[in-house]
Amino acid sequence: FYGRVDVIHASAFVYFHKKGIVQE
């Protein structure tokens, strides 16, 4: 989001991979 919108914090918990655990 740098240079696009001013945010204090940004994060995600897990990675999303195609055909992976998180996608399911």
PDBML (XML) file of the C-alpha atoms, coordinates in Angstrom:
<?xml version="1.0" encoding="UTF-8" ?>
<PDBx:datablock datablockName="MODEL"
   xmlns:PDBx="http://pdbml.pdb.org/schema/pdbx-v50.xsd"
   xmlns:xsi="http://www.w3.org/2001/XMLSchema-instance"
   xsi:schemaLocation="http://pdbml.pdb.org/schema/pdbx-v50.xsd pdbx-v50.xsd">
   <PDBx:atom_siteCategory>
      <PDBx:atom_site id="1">
         <PDBx:B_iso_or_equiv>0.00</PDBx:B_iso_or_equiv>
         <PDBx:Cartn_x>0.000</PDBx:Cartn_x>
         <PDBx:Cartn_y>0.000</PDBx:Cartn_y>
         <PDBx:Cartn_z>0.000</PDBx:Cartn_z>
         <PDBx:auth_asym_id>A</PDBx:auth_asym_id>
         <PDBx:auth_atom_id>CA</PDBx:auth_atom_id>
         <PDBx:auth_comp_id>PHE</PDBx:auth_comp_id>
         <PDBx:auth_seq_id>1</PDBx:auth_seq_id>
         <PDBx:group_PDB>ATOM</PDBx:group_PDB>
         <PDBx:label_alt_id xsi:nil="true" />
         <PDBx:label_asym_id>A</PDBx:label_asym_id>
         <PDBx:label_atom_id>CA</PDBx:label_atom_id>
         <PDBx:label_comp_id>PHE</PDBx:label_comp_id>
         <PDBx:label_entity_id>1</PDBx:label_entity_id>
         <PDBx:label_seq_id>1</PDBx:label_seq_id>
         <PDBx:occupancy>1.00</PDBx:occupancy>
         <PDBx:pdbx_PDB_model_num>1</PDBx:pdbx_PDB_model_num>
         <PDBx:type_symbol>C</PDBx:type_symbol>
      </PDBx:atom_site>
      <PDBx:atom_site id="2">
         <PDBx:B_iso_or_equiv>0.00</PDBx:B_iso_or_equiv>
         <PDBx:Cartn_x>3.043</PDBx:Cartn_x>
         <PDBx:Cartn_y>2.277</PDBx:Cartn_y>
         <PDBx:Cartn_z>0.051</PDBx:Cartn_z>
         <PDBx:auth_asym_id>A</PDBx:auth_asym_id>
         <PDBx:auth_atom_id>CA</PDBx:auth_atom_id>
         <PDBx:auth_comp_id>TYR</PDBx:auth_comp_id>
         <PDBx:auth_seq_id>2</PDBx:auth_seq_id>
         <PDBx:group_PDB>ATOM</PDBx:group_PDB>
         <PDBx:label_alt_id xsi:nil="true" />
         <PDBx:label_asym_id>A</PDBx:label_asym_id>
         <PDBx:label_atom_id>CA</PDBx:label_atom_id>
         <PDBx:label_comp_id>TYR</PDBx:label_comp_id>
         <PDBx:label_entity_id>1</PDBx:label_entity_id>
         <PDBx:label_seq_id>2</PDBx:label_seq_id>
         <PDBx:occupancy>1.00</PDBx:occupancy>
         <PDBx:pdbx_PDB_model_num>1</PDBx:pdbx_PDB_model_num>
         <PDBx:type_symbol>C</PDBx:type_symbol>
      </PDBx:atom_site>
      <PDBx:atom_site id="3">
         <PDBx:B_iso_or_equiv>0.00</PDBx:B_iso_or_equiv>
         <PDBx:Cartn_x>2.390</PDBx:Cartn_x>
         <PDBx:Cartn_y>5.336</PDBx:Cartn_y>
         <PDBx:Cartn_z>-2.121</PDBx:Cartn_z>
         <PDBx:auth_asym_id>A</PDBx:auth_asym_id>
         <PDBx:auth_atom_id>CA</PDBx:auth_atom_id>
         <PDBx:auth_comp_id>GLY</PDBx:auth_comp_id>
         <PDBx:auth_seq_id>3</PDBx:auth_seq_id>
         <PDBx:group_PDB>ATOM</PDBx:group_PDB>
         <PDBx:label_alt_id xsi:nil="true" />
         <PDBx:label_asym_id>A</PDBx:label_asym_id>
         <PDBx:label_atom_id>CA</PDBx:label_atom_id>
         <PDBx:label_comp_id>GLY</PDBx:label_comp_id>
         <PDBx:label_entity_id>1</PDBx:label_entity_id>
         <PDBx:label_seq_id>3</PDBx:label_seq_id>
         <PDBx:occupancy>1.00</PDBx:occupancy>
         <PDBx:pdbx_PDB_model_num>1</PDBx:pdbx_PDB_model_num>
         <PDBx:type_symbol>C</PDBx:type_symbol>
      </PDBx:atom_site>
      <PDBx:atom_site id="4">
         <PDBx:B_iso_or_equiv>0.00</PDBx:B_iso_or_equiv>
         <PDBx:Cartn_x>-1.227</PDBx:Cartn_x>
         <PDBx:Cartn_y>4.283</PDBx:Cartn_y>
         <PDBx:Cartn_z>-2.679</PDBx:Cartn_z>
         <PDBx:auth_asym_id>A</PDBx:auth_asym_id>
         <PDBx:auth_atom_id>CA</PDBx:auth_atom_id>
         <PDBx:auth_comp_id>ARG</PDBx:auth_comp_id>
         <PDBx:auth_seq_id>4</PDBx:auth_seq_id>
         <PDBx:group_PDB>ATOM</PDBx:group_PDB>
         <PDBx:label_alt_id xsi:nil="true" />
         <PDBx:label_asym_id>A</PDBx:label_asym_id>
         <PDBx:label_atom_id>CA</PDBx:label_atom_id>
         <PDBx:label_comp_id>ARG</PDBx:label_comp_id>
         <PDBx:label_entity_id>1</PDBx:label_entity_id>
         <PDBx:label_seq_id>4</PDBx:label_seq_id>
         <PDBx:occupancy>1.00</PDBx:occupancy>
         <PDBx:pdbx_PDB_model_num>1</PDBx:pdbx_PDB_model_num>
         <PDBx:type_symbol>C</PDBx:type_symbol>
      </PDBx:atom_site>
      <PDBx:atom_site id="5">
         <PDBx:B_iso_or_equiv>0.00</PDBx:B_iso_or_equiv>
         <PDBx:Cartn_x>-2.902</PDBx:Cartn_x>
         <PDBx:Cartn_y>4.986</PDBx:Cartn_y>
         <PDBx:Cartn_z>0.653</PDBx:Cartn_z>
         <PDBx:auth_asym_id>A</PDBx:auth_asym_id>
         <PDBx:auth_atom_id>CA</PDBx:auth_atom_id>
         <PDBx:auth_comp_id>VAL</PDBx:auth_comp_id>
         <PDBx:auth_seq_id>5</PDBx:auth_seq_id>
         <PDBx:group_PDB>ATOM</PDBx:group_PDB>
         <PDBx:label_alt_id xsi:nil="true" />
         <PDBx:label_asym_id>A</PDBx:label_asym_id>
         <PDBx:label_atom_id>CA</PDBx:label_atom_id>
         <PDBx:label_comp_id>VAL</PDBx:label_comp_id>
         <PDBx:label_entity_id>1</PDBx:label_entity_id>
         <PDBx:label_seq_id>5</PDBx:label_seq_id>
         <PDBx:occupancy>1.00</PDBx:occupancy>
         <PDBx:pdbx_PDB_model_num>1</PDBx:pdbx_PDB_model_num>
         <PDBx:type_symbol>C</PDBx:type_symbol>
      </PDBx:atom_site>
      <PDBx:atom_site id="6">
         <PDBx:B_iso_or_equiv>0.00</PDBx:B_iso_or_equiv>
         <PDBx:Cartn_x>-1.584</PDBx:Cartn_x>
         <PDBx:Cartn_y>5.993</PDBx:Cartn_y>
         <PDBx:Cartn_z>4.066</PDBx:Cartn_z>
         <PDBx:auth_asym_id>A</PDBx:auth_asym_id>
         <PDBx:auth_atom_id>CA</PDBx:auth_atom_id>
         <PDBx:auth_comp_id>ASP</PDBx:auth_comp_id>
         <PDBx:auth_seq_id>6</PDBx:auth_seq_id>
         <PDBx:group_PDB>ATOM</PDBx:group_PDB>
         <PDBx:label_alt_id xsi:nil="true" />
         <PDBx:label_asym_id>A</PDBx:label_asym_id>
         <PDBx:label_atom_id>CA</PDBx:label_atom_id>
         <PDBx:label_comp_id>ASP</PDBx:label_comp_id>
         <PDBx:label_entity_id>1</PDBx:label_entity_id>
         <PDBx:label_seq_id>6</PDBx:label_seq_id>
         <PDBx:occupancy>1.00</PDBx:occupancy>
         <PDBx:pdbx_PDB_model_num>1</PDBx:pdbx_PDB_model_num>
         <PDBx:type_symbol>C</PDBx:type_symbol>
      </PDBx:atom_site>
      <PDBx:atom_site id="7">
         <PDBx:B_iso_or_equiv>0.00</PDBx:B_iso_or_equiv>
         <PDBx:Cartn_x>-1.953</PDBx:Cartn_x>
         <PDBx:Cartn_y>3.127</PDBx:Cartn_y>
         <PDBx:Cartn_z>6.535</PDBx:Cartn_z>
         <PDBx:auth_asym_id>A</PDBx:auth_asym_id>
         <PDBx:auth_atom_id>CA</PDBx:auth_atom_id>
         <PDBx:auth_comp_id>VAL</PDBx:auth_comp_id>
         <PDBx:auth_seq_id>7</PDBx:auth_seq_id>
         <PDBx:group_PDB>ATOM</PDBx:group_PDB>
         <PDBx:label_alt_id xsi:nil="true" />
         <PDBx:label_asym_id>A</PDBx:label_asym_id>
         <PDBx:label_atom_id>CA</PDBx:label_atom_id>
         <PDBx:label_comp_id>VAL</PDBx:label_comp_id>
         <PDBx:label_entity_id>1</PDBx:label_entity_id>
         <PDBx:label_seq_id>7</PDBx:label_seq_id>
         <PDBx:occupancy>1.00</PDBx:occupancy>
         <PDBx:pdbx_PDB_model_num>1</PDBx:pdbx_PDB_model_num>
         <PDBx:type_symbol>C</PDBx:type_symbol>
      </PDBx:atom_site>
      <PDBx:atom_site id="8">
         <PDBx:B_iso_or_equiv>0.00</PDBx:B_iso_or_equiv>
         <PDBx:Cartn_x>-0.622</PDBx:Cartn_x>
         <PDBx:Cartn_y>2.768</PDBx:Cartn_y>
         <PDBx:Cartn_z>10.075</PDBx:Cartn_z>
         <PDBx:auth_asym_id>A</PDBx:auth_asym_id>
         <PDBx:auth_atom_id>CA</PDBx:auth_atom_id>
         <PDBx:auth_comp_id>ILE</PDBx:auth_comp_id>
         <PDBx:auth_seq_id>8</PDBx:auth_seq_id>
         <PDBx:group_PDB>ATOM</PDBx:group_PDB>
         <PDBx:label_alt_id xsi:nil="true" />
         <PDBx:label_asym_id>A</PDBx:label_asym_id>
         <PDBx:label_atom_id>CA</PDBx:label_atom_id>
         <PDBx:label_comp_id>ILE</PDBx:label_comp_id>
         <PDBx:label_entity_id>1</PDBx:label_entity_id>
         <PDBx:label_seq_id>8</PDBx:label_seq_id>
         <PDBx:occupancy>1.00</PDBx:occupancy>
         <PDBx:pdbx_PDB_model_num>1</PDBx:pdbx_PDB_model_num>
         <PDBx:type_symbol>C</PDBx:type_symbol>
      </PDBx:atom_site>
      <PDBx:atom_site id="9">
         <PDBx:B_iso_or_equiv>0.00</PDBx:B_iso_or_equiv>
         <PDBx:Cartn_x>-0.241</PDBx:Cartn_x>
         <PDBx:Cartn_y>-1.001</PDBx:Cartn_y>
         <PDBx:Cartn_z>9.862</PDBx:Cartn_z>
         <PDBx:auth_asym_id>A</PDBx:auth_asym_id>
         <PDBx:auth_atom_id>CA</PDBx:auth_atom_id>
         <PDBx:auth_comp_id>HIS</PDBx:auth_comp_id>
         <PDBx:auth_seq_id>9</PDBx:auth_seq_id>
         <PDBx:group_PDB>ATOM</PDBx:group_PDB>
         <PDBx:label_alt_id xsi:nil="true" />
         <PDBx:label_asym_id>A</PDBx:label_asym_id>
         <PDBx:label_atom_id>CA</PDBx:label_atom_id>
         <PDBx:label_comp_id>HIS</PDBx:label_comp_id>
         <PDBx:label_entity_id>1</PDBx:label_entity_id>
         <PDBx:label_seq_id>9</PDBx:label_seq_id>
         <PDBx:occupancy>1.00</PDBx:occupancy>
         <PDBx:pdbx_PDB_model_num>1</PDBx:pdbx_PDB_model_num>
         <PDBx:type_symbol>C</PDBx:type_symbol>
      </PDBx:atom_site>
      <PDBx:atom_site id="10">
         <PDBx:B_iso_or_equiv>0.00</PDBx:B_iso_or_equiv>
         <PDBx:Cartn_x>-0.951</PDBx:Cartn_x>
         <PDBx:Cartn_y>-3.757</PDBx:Cartn_y>
         <PDBx:Cartn_z>7.343</PDBx:Cartn_z>
         <PDBx:auth_asym_id>A</PDBx:auth_asym_id>
         <PDBx:auth_atom_id>CA</PDBx:auth_atom_id>
         <PDBx:auth_comp_id>ALA</PDBx:auth_comp_id>
         <PDBx:auth_seq_id>10</PDBx:auth_seq_id>
         <PDBx:group_PDB>ATOM</PDBx:group_PDB>
         <PDBx:label_alt_id xsi:nil="true" />
         <PDBx:label_asym_id>A</PDBx:label_asym_id>
         <PDBx:label_atom_id>CA</PDBx:label_atom_id>
         <PDBx:label_comp_id>ALA</PDBx:label_comp_id>
         <PDBx:label_entity_id>1</PDBx:label_entity_id>
         <PDBx:label_seq_id>10</PDBx:label_seq_id>
         <PDBx:occupancy>1.00</PDBx:occupancy>
         <PDBx:pdbx_PDB_model_num>1</PDBx:pdbx_PDB_model_num>
         <PDBx:type_symbol>C</PDBx:type_symbol>
      </PDBx:atom_site>
      <PDBx:atom_site id="11">
         <PDBx:B_iso_or_equiv>0.00</PDBx:B_iso_or_equiv>
         <PDBx:Cartn_x>-0.514</PDBx:Cartn_x>
         <PDBx:Cartn_y>-7.501</PDBx:Cartn_y>
         <PDBx:Cartn_z>7.686</PDBx:Cartn_z>
         <PDBx:auth_asym_id>A</PDBx:auth_asym_id>
         <PDBx:auth_atom_id>CA</PDBx:auth_atom_id>
         <PDBx:auth_comp_id>SER</PDBx:auth_comp_id>
         <PDBx:auth_seq_id>11</PDBx:auth_seq_id>
         <PDBx:group_PDB>ATOM</PDBx:group_PDB>
         <PDBx:label_alt_id xsi:nil="true" />
         <PDBx:label_asym_id>A</PDBx:label_asym_id>
         <PDBx:label_atom_id>CA</PDBx:label_atom_id>
         <PDBx:label_comp_id>SER</PDBx:label_comp_id>
         <PDBx:label_entity_id>1</PDBx:label_entity_id>
         <PDBx:label_seq_id>11</PDBx:label_seq_id>
         <PDBx:occupancy>1.00</PDBx:occupancy>
         <PDBx:pdbx_PDB_model_num>1</PDBx:pdbx_PDB_model_num>
         <PDBx:type_symbol>C</PDBx:type_symbol>
      </PDBx:atom_site>
      <PDBx:atom_site id="12">
         <PDBx:B_iso_or_equiv>0.00</PDBx:B_iso_or_equiv>
         <PDBx:Cartn_x>-1.938</PDBx:Cartn_x>
         <PDBx:Cartn_y>-10.895</PDBx:Cartn_y>
         <PDBx:Cartn_z>6.832</PDBx:Cartn_z>
         <PDBx:auth_asym_id>A</PDBx:auth_asym_id>
         <PDBx:auth_atom_id>CA</PDBx:auth_atom_id>
         <PDBx:auth_comp_id>ALA</PDBx:auth_comp_id>
         <PDBx:auth_seq_id>12</PDBx:auth_seq_id>
         <PDBx:group_PDB>ATOM</PDBx:group_PDB>
         <PDBx:label_alt_id xsi:nil="true" />
         <PDBx:label_asym_id>A</PDBx:label_asym_id>
         <PDBx:label_atom_id>CA</PDBx:label_atom_id>
         <PDBx:label_comp_id>ALA</PDBx:label_comp_id>
         <PDBx:label_entity_id>1</PDBx:label_entity_id>
         <PDBx:label_seq_id>12</PDBx:label_seq_id>
         <PDBx:occupancy>1.00</PDBx:occupancy>
         <PDBx:pdbx_PDB_model_num>1</PDBx:pdbx_PDB_model_num>
         <PDBx:type_symbol>C</PDBx:type_symbol>
      </PDBx:atom_site>
      <PDBx:atom_site id="13">
         <PDBx:B_iso_or_equiv>0.00</PDBx:B_iso_or_equiv>
         <PDBx:Cartn_x>-1.839</PDBx:Cartn_x>
         <PDBx:Cartn_y>-14.050</PDBx:Cartn_y>
         <PDBx:Cartn_z>8.921</PDBx:Cartn_z>
         <PDBx:auth_asym_id>A</PDBx:auth_asym_id>
         <PDBx:auth_atom_id>CA</PDBx:auth_atom_id>
         <PDBx:auth_comp_id>PHE</PDBx:auth_comp_id>
         <PDBx:auth_seq_id>13</PDBx:auth_seq_id>
         <PDBx:group_PDB>ATOM</PDBx:group_PDB>
         <PDBx:label_alt_id xsi:nil="true" />
         <PDBx:label_asym_id>A</PDBx:label_asym_id>
         <PDBx:label_atom_id>CA</PDBx:label_atom_id>
         <PDBx:label_comp_id>PHE</PDBx:label_comp_id>
         <PDBx:label_entity_id>1</PDBx:label_entity_id>
         <PDBx:label_seq_id>13</PDBx:label_seq_id>
         <PDBx:occupancy>1.00</PDBx:occupancy>
         <PDBx:pdbx_PDB_model_num>1</PDBx:pdbx_PDB_model_num>
         <PDBx:type_symbol>C</PDBx:type_symbol>
      </PDBx:atom_site>
      <PDBx:atom_site id="14">
         <PDBx:B_iso_or_equiv>0.00</PDBx:B_iso_or_equiv>
         <PDBx:Cartn_x>-1.100</PDBx:Cartn_x>
         <PDBx:Cartn_y>-16.771</PDBx:Cartn_y>
         <PDBx:Cartn_z>6.357</PDBx:Cartn_z>
         <PDBx:auth_asym_id>A</PDBx:auth_asym_id>
         <PDBx:auth_atom_id>CA</PDBx:auth_atom_id>
         <PDBx:auth_comp_id>VAL</PDBx:auth_comp_id>
         <PDBx:auth_seq_id>14</PDBx:auth_seq_id>
         <PDBx:group_PDB>ATOM</PDBx:group_PDB>
         <PDBx:label_alt_id xsi:nil="true" />
         <PDBx:label_asym_id>A</PDBx:label_asym_id>
         <PDBx:label_atom_id>CA</PDBx:label_atom_id>
         <PDBx:label_comp_id>VAL</PDBx:label_comp_id>
         <PDBx:label_entity_id>1</PDBx:label_entity_id>
         <PDBx:label_seq_id>14</PDBx:label_seq_id>
         <PDBx:occupancy>1.00</PDBx:occupancy>
         <PDBx:pdbx_PDB_model_num>1</PDBx:pdbx_PDB_model_num>
         <PDBx:type_symbol>C</PDBx:type_symbol>
      </PDBx:atom_site>
      <PDBx:atom_site id="15">
         <PDBx:B_iso_or_equiv>0.00</PDBx:B_iso_or_equiv>
         <PDBx:Cartn_x>-0.048</PDBx:Cartn_x>
         <PDBx:Cartn_y>-17.161</PDBx:Cartn_y>
         <PDBx:Cartn_z>2.720</PDBx:Cartn_z>
         <PDBx:auth_asym_id>A</PDBx:auth_asym_id>
         <PDBx:auth_atom_id>CA</PDBx:auth_atom_id>
         <PDBx:auth_comp_id>TYR</PDBx:auth_comp_id>
         <PDBx:auth_seq_id>15</PDBx:auth_seq_id>
         <PDBx:group_PDB>ATOM</PDBx:group_PDB>
         <PDBx:label_alt_id xsi:nil="true" />
         <PDBx:label_asym_id>A</PDBx:label_asym_id>
         <PDBx:label_atom_id>CA</PDBx:label_atom_id>
         <PDBx:label_comp_id>TYR</PDBx:label_comp_id>
         <PDBx:label_entity_id>1</PDBx:label_entity_id>
         <PDBx:label_seq_id>15</PDBx:label_seq_id>
         <PDBx:occupancy>1.00</PDBx:occupancy>
         <PDBx:pdbx_PDB_model_num>1</PDBx:pdbx_PDB_model_num>
         <PDBx:type_symbol>C</PDBx:type_symbol>
      </PDBx:atom_site>
      <PDBx:atom_site id="16">
         <PDBx:B_iso_or_equiv>0.00</PDBx:B_iso_or_equiv>
         <PDBx:Cartn_x>-2.582</PDBx:Cartn_x>
         <PDBx:Cartn_y>-18.123</PDBx:Cartn_y>
         <PDBx:Cartn_z>0.071</PDBx:Cartn_z>
         <PDBx:auth_asym_id>A</PDBx:auth_asym_id>
         <PDBx:auth_atom_id>CA</PDBx:auth_atom_id>
         <PDBx:auth_comp_id>PHE</PDBx:auth_comp_id>
         <PDBx:auth_seq_id>16</PDBx:auth_seq_id>
         <PDBx:group_PDB>ATOM</PDBx:group_PDB>
         <PDBx:label_alt_id xsi:nil="true" />
         <PDBx:label_asym_id>A</PDBx:label_asym_id>
         <PDBx:label_atom_id>CA</PDBx:label_atom_id>
         <PDBx:label_comp_id>PHE</PDBx:label_comp_id>
         <PDBx:label_entity_id>1</PDBx:label_entity_id>
         <PDBx:label_seq_id>16</PDBx:label_seq_id>
         <PDBx:occupancy>1.00</PDBx:occupancy>
         <PDBx:pdbx_PDB_model_num>1</PDBx:pdbx_PDB_model_num>
         <PDBx:type_symbol>C</PDBx:type_symbol>
      </PDBx:atom_site>
      <PDBx:atom_site id="17">
         <PDBx:B_iso_or_equiv>0.00</PDBx:B_iso_or_equiv>
         <PDBx:Cartn_x>-1.277</PDBx:Cartn_x>
         <PDBx:Cartn_y>-20.607</PDBx:Cartn_y>
         <PDBx:Cartn_z>-2.500</PDBx:Cartn_z>
         <PDBx:auth_asym_id>A</PDBx:auth_asym_id>
         <PDBx:auth_atom_id>CA</PDBx:auth_atom_id>
         <PDBx:auth_comp_id>HIS</PDBx:auth_comp_id>
         <PDBx:auth_seq_id>17</PDBx:auth_seq_id>
         <PDBx:group_PDB>ATOM</PDBx:group_PDB>
         <PDBx:label_alt_id xsi:nil="true" />
         <PDBx:label_asym_id>A</PDBx:label_asym_id>
         <PDBx:label_atom_id>CA</PDBx:label_atom_id>
         <PDBx:label_comp_id>HIS</PDBx:label_comp_id>
         <PDBx:label_entity_id>1</PDBx:label_entity_id>
         <PDBx:label_seq_id>17</PDBx:label_seq_id>
         <PDBx:occupancy>1.00</PDBx:occupancy>
         <PDBx:pdbx_PDB_model_num>1</PDBx:pdbx_PDB_model_num>
         <PDBx:type_symbol>C</PDBx:type_symbol>
      </PDBx:atom_site>
      <PDBx:atom_site id="18">
         <PDBx:B_iso_or_equiv>0.00</PDBx:B_iso_or_equiv>
         <PDBx:Cartn_x>-3.310</PDBx:Cartn_x>
         <PDBx:Cartn_y>-22.101</PDBx:Cartn_y>
         <PDBx:Cartn_z>-5.331</PDBx:Cartn_z>
         <PDBx:auth_asym_id>A</PDBx:auth_asym_id>
         <PDBx:auth_atom_id>CA</PDBx:auth_atom_id>
         <PDBx:auth_comp_id>LYS</PDBx:auth_comp_id>
         <PDBx:auth_seq_id>18</PDBx:auth_seq_id>
         <PDBx:group_PDB>ATOM</PDBx:group_PDB>
         <PDBx:label_alt_id xsi:nil="true" />
         <PDBx:label_asym_id>A</PDBx:label_asym_id>
         <PDBx:label_atom_id>CA</PDBx:label_atom_id>
         <PDBx:label_comp_id>LYS</PDBx:label_comp_id>
         <PDBx:label_entity_id>1</PDBx:label_entity_id>
         <PDBx:label_seq_id>18</PDBx:label_seq_id>
         <PDBx:occupancy>1.00</PDBx:occupancy>
         <PDBx:pdbx_PDB_model_num>1</PDBx:pdbx_PDB_model_num>
         <PDBx:type_symbol>C</PDBx:type_symbol>
      </PDBx:atom_site>
      <PDBx:atom_site id="19">
         <PDBx:B_iso_or_equiv>0.00</PDBx:B_iso_or_equiv>
         <PDBx:Cartn_x>-4.430</PDBx:Cartn_x>
         <PDBx:Cartn_y>-25.638</PDBx:Cartn_y>
         <PDBx:Cartn_z>-4.446</PDBx:Cartn_z>
         <PDBx:auth_asym_id>A</PDBx:auth_asym_id>
         <PDBx:auth_atom_id>CA</PDBx:auth_atom_id>
         <PDBx:auth_comp_id>LYS</PDBx:auth_comp_id>
         <PDBx:auth_seq_id>19</PDBx:auth_seq_id>
         <PDBx:group_PDB>ATOM</PDBx:group_PDB>
         <PDBx:label_alt_id xsi:nil="true" />
         <PDBx:label_asym_id>A</PDBx:label_asym_id>
         <PDBx:label_atom_id>CA</PDBx:label_atom_id>
         <PDBx:label_comp_id>LYS</PDBx:label_comp_id>
         <PDBx:label_entity_id>1</PDBx:label_entity_id>
         <PDBx:label_seq_id>19</PDBx:label_seq_id>
         <PDBx:occupancy>1.00</PDBx:occupancy>
         <PDBx:pdbx_PDB_model_num>1</PDBx:pdbx_PDB_model_num>
         <PDBx:type_symbol>C</PDBx:type_symbol>
      </PDBx:atom_site>
      <PDBx:atom_site id="20">
         <PDBx:B_iso_or_equiv>0.00</PDBx:B_iso_or_equiv>
         <PDBx:Cartn_x>-2.939</PDBx:Cartn_x>
         <PDBx:Cartn_y>-25.223</PDBx:Cartn_y>
         <PDBx:Cartn_z>-0.974</PDBx:Cartn_z>
         <PDBx:auth_asym_id>A</PDBx:auth_asym_id>
         <PDBx:auth_atom_id>CA</PDBx:auth_atom_id>
         <PDBx:auth_comp_id>GLY</PDBx:auth_comp_id>
         <PDBx:auth_seq_id>20</PDBx:auth_seq_id>
         <PDBx:group_PDB>ATOM</PDBx:group_PDB>
         <PDBx:label_alt_id xsi:nil="true" />
         <PDBx:label_asym_id>A</PDBx:label_asym_id>
         <PDBx:label_atom_id>CA</PDBx:label_atom_id>
         <PDBx:label_comp_id>GLY</PDBx:label_comp_id>
         <PDBx:label_entity_id>1</PDBx:label_entity_id>
         <PDBx:label_seq_id>20</PDBx:label_seq_id>
         <PDBx:occupancy>1.00</PDBx:occupancy>
         <PDBx:pdbx_PDB_model_num>1</PDBx:pdbx_PDB_model_num>
         <PDBx:type_symbol>C</PDBx:type_symbol>
      </PDBx:atom_site>
      <PDBx:atom_site id="21">
         <PDBx:B_iso_or_equiv>0.00</PDBx:B_iso_or_equiv>
         <PDBx:Cartn_x>-4.295</PDBx:Cartn_x>
         <PDBx:Cartn_y>-25.584</PDBx:Cartn_y>
         <PDBx:Cartn_z>2.555</PDBx:Cartn_z>
         <PDBx:auth_asym_id>A</PDBx:auth_asym_id>
         <PDBx:auth_atom_id>CA</PDBx:auth_atom_id>
         <PDBx:auth_comp_id>ILE</PDBx:auth_comp_id>
         <PDBx:auth_seq_id>21</PDBx:auth_seq_id>
         <PDBx:group_PDB>ATOM</PDBx:group_PDB>
         <PDBx:label_alt_id xsi:nil="true" />
         <PDBx:label_asym_id>A</PDBx:label_asym_id>
         <PDBx:label_atom_id>CA</PDBx:label_atom_id>
         <PDBx:label_comp_id>ILE</PDBx:label_comp_id>
         <PDBx:label_entity_id>1</PDBx:label_entity_id>
         <PDBx:label_seq_id>21</PDBx:label_seq_id>
         <PDBx:occupancy>1.00</PDBx:occupancy>
         <PDBx:pdbx_PDB_model_num>1</PDBx:pdbx_PDB_model_num>
         <PDBx:type_symbol>C</PDBx:type_symbol>
      </PDBx:atom_site>
      <PDBx:atom_site id="22">
         <PDBx:B_iso_or_equiv>0.00</PDBx:B_iso_or_equiv>
         <PDBx:Cartn_x>-5.254</PDBx:Cartn_x>
         <PDBx:Cartn_y>-21.931</PDBx:Cartn_y>
         <PDBx:Cartn_z>2.868</PDBx:Cartn_z>
         <PDBx:auth_asym_id>A</PDBx:auth_asym_id>
         <PDBx:auth_atom_id>CA</PDBx:auth_atom_id>
         <PDBx:auth_comp_id>VAL</PDBx:auth_comp_id>
         <PDBx:auth_seq_id>22</PDBx:auth_seq_id>
         <PDBx:group_PDB>ATOM</PDBx:group_PDB>
         <PDBx:label_alt_id xsi:nil="true" />
         <PDBx:label_asym_id>A</PDBx:label_asym_id>
         <PDBx:label_atom_id>CA</PDBx:label_atom_id>
         <PDBx:label_comp_id>VAL</PDBx:label_comp_id>
         <PDBx:label_entity_id>1</PDBx:label_entity_id>
         <PDBx:label_seq_id>22</PDBx:label_seq_id>
         <PDBx:occupancy>1.00</PDBx:occupancy>
         <PDBx:pdbx_PDB_model_num>1</PDBx:pdbx_PDB_model_num>
         <PDBx:type_symbol>C</PDBx:type_symbol>
      </PDBx:atom_site>
      <PDBx:atom_site id="23">
         <PDBx:B_iso_or_equiv>0.00</PDBx:B_iso_or_equiv>
         <PDBx:Cartn_x>-7.084</PDBx:Cartn_x>
         <PDBx:Cartn_y>-21.840</PDBx:Cartn_y>
         <PDBx:Cartn_z>-0.463</PDBx:Cartn_z>
         <PDBx:auth_asym_id>A</PDBx:auth_asym_id>
         <PDBx:auth_atom_id>CA</PDBx:auth_atom_id>
         <PDBx:auth_comp_id>GLN</PDBx:auth_comp_id>
         <PDBx:auth_seq_id>23</PDBx:auth_seq_id>
         <PDBx:group_PDB>ATOM</PDBx:group_PDB>
         <PDBx:label_alt_id xsi:nil="true" />
         <PDBx:label_asym_id>A</PDBx:label_asym_id>
         <PDBx:label_atom_id>CA</PDBx:label_atom_id>
         <PDBx:label_comp_id>GLN</PDBx:label_comp_id>
         <PDBx:label_entity_id>1</PDBx:label_entity_id>
         <PDBx:label_seq_id>23</PDBx:label_seq_id>
         <PDBx:occupancy>1.00</PDBx:occupancy>
         <PDBx:pdbx_PDB_model_num>1</PDBx:pdbx_PDB_model_num>
         <PDBx:type_symbol>C</PDBx:type_symbol>
      </PDBx:atom_site>
      <PDBx:atom_site id="24">
         <PDBx:B_iso_or_equiv>0.00</PDBx:B_iso_or_equiv>
         <PDBx:Cartn_x>-9.210</PDBx:Cartn_x>
         <PDBx:Cartn_y>-24.773</PDBx:Cartn_y>
         <PDBx:Cartn_z>0.661</PDBx:Cartn_z>
         <PDBx:auth_asym_id>A</PDBx:auth_asym_id>
         <PDBx:auth_atom_id>CA</PDBx:auth_atom_id>
         <PDBx:auth_comp_id>GLU</PDBx:auth_comp_id>
         <PDBx:auth_seq_id>24</PDBx:auth_seq_id>
         <PDBx:group_PDB>ATOM</PDBx:group_PDB>
         <PDBx:label_alt_id xsi:nil="true" />
         <PDBx:label_asym_id>A</PDBx:label_asym_id>
         <PDBx:label_atom_id>CA</PDBx:label_atom_id>
         <PDBx:label_comp_id>GLU</PDBx:label_comp_id>
         <PDBx:label_entity_id>1</PDBx:label_entity_id>
         <PDBx:label_seq_id>24</PDBx:label_seq_id>
         <PDBx:occupancy>1.00</PDBx:occupancy>
         <PDBx:pdbx_PDB_model_num>1</PDBx:pdbx_PDB_model_num>
         <PDBx:type_symbol>C</PDBx:type_symbol>
      </PDBx:atom_site>
   </PDBx:atom_siteCategory>
</PDBx:datablock>
